[in-house]
Amino acid sequence: MRRMVRSEGYARARLINALIFAALGAAICYRTVAAARLSLTALPGVVLGLALIGLAVVRFRAYARTKRS
C-alpha cells in the first residue's frame, strides 16, 4: 500500500482531484455571492467554497513536495 501511495500516478490523481476541488470551490463562492450579495445568509456557502479552495491548496502543496523528493 505504501508503494502505491508514494507513486507518481497517485500523486497525479490527487492533483487532478485538487483541480476539481478548486473549481468547485470557486464556483460555489461565485454563485453564492452573486445570489446573496454578501449577506449573512451567504456565509455558509462562502465558507464551504473557501474550505474547498483550502483543500485544493493543501493538495497542490503535497504534490509539489512529492515532486521534489
Protein backbone atom coordinates (compact mmCIF):
# COMPACT_ATOMS: atom_id res chain seq x y z
CA MET A 1 0.00 0.00 0.00
CA ARG A 2 2.80 2.44 0.80
CA ARG A 3 4.34 1.94 -2.60
CA MET A 4 1.08 2.85 -4.31
CA VAL A 5 0.53 5.94 -2.14
CA ARG A 6 4.05 7.18 -2.92
CA SER A 7 3.76 6.54 -6.65
CA GLU A 8 3.71 9.30 -9.23
CA GLY A 9 0.38 8.17 -10.65
CA TYR A 10 -1.31 8.51 -7.27
CA ALA A 11 0.18 11.99 -6.83
CA ARG A 12 -1.11 12.96 -10.27
CA ALA A 13 -4.59 11.66 -9.40
CA ARG A 14 -4.58 13.78 -6.24
CA LEU A 15 -3.50 16.79 -8.31
CA ILE A 16 -6.46 16.32 -10.64
CA ASN A 17 -8.66 15.98 -7.57
CA ALA A 18 -7.24 19.29 -6.29
CA LEU A 19 -8.10 21.00 -9.57
CA ILE A 20 -11.68 19.77 -9.27
CA PHE A 21 -11.89 20.98 -5.65
CA ALA A 22 -10.56 24.42 -6.61
CA ALA A 23 -13.02 24.75 -9.49
CA LEU A 24 -15.97 23.68 -7.35
CA GLY A 25 -14.93 25.98 -4.52
CA ALA A 26 -14.62 28.96 -6.84
CA ALA A 27 -17.97 28.18 -8.45
CA ILE A 28 -19.71 27.86 -5.07
CA CYS A 29 -18.23 31.15 -3.84
CA TYR A 30 -19.14 32.97 -7.04
CA ARG A 31 -22.70 31.65 -7.24
CA THR A 32 -23.32 32.32 -3.54
CA VAL A 33 -22.03 35.89 -3.67
CA ALA A 34 -23.89 36.57 -6.91
CA ALA A 35 -27.18 35.34 -5.44
CA ALA A 36 -27.00 36.60 -1.85
CA ARG A 37 -24.80 39.72 -2.18
CA LEU A 38 -22.55 39.03 0.85
CA SER A 39 -25.26 38.84 3.48
CA LEU A 40 -25.31 36.55 6.50
CA THR A 41 -27.31 34.01 4.53
CA ALA A 42 -24.38 33.68 2.13
CA LEU A 43 -21.90 32.85 4.89
CA PRO A 44 -22.25 29.02 4.82
CA GLY A 45 -21.82 28.89 1.05
CA VAL A 46 -18.78 31.15 1.10
CA VAL A 47 -17.21 29.15 3.94
CA LEU A 48 -17.79 25.90 2.05
CA GLY A 49 -16.26 27.35 -1.11
CA LEU A 50 -13.23 28.64 0.77
CA ALA A 51 -12.82 25.27 2.51
CA LEU A 52 -12.72 23.52 -0.86
CA ILE A 53 -10.17 26.02 -2.16
CA GLY A 54 -8.10 25.50 1.00
CA LEU A 55 -8.20 21.73 0.48
CA ALA A 56 -7.01 22.24 -3.08
CA VAL A 57 -4.09 24.35 -1.84
CA VAL A 58 -3.10 21.59 0.59
CA ARG A 59 -3.22 19.03 -2.21
CA PHE A 60 -1.14 21.26 -4.51
CA ARG A 61 1.49 21.67 -1.79
CA ALA A 62 1.58 17.91 -1.20
CA TYR A 63 2.04 17.32 -4.93
CA ALA A 64 4.88 19.84 -5.07
CA ARG A 65 6.52 18.18 -2.08
CA THR A 66 6.34 14.71 -3.68
CA LYS A 67 7.74 16.03 -6.96
CA ARG A 68 10.81 17.44 -5.18
CA SER A 69 11.64 14.23 -3.34
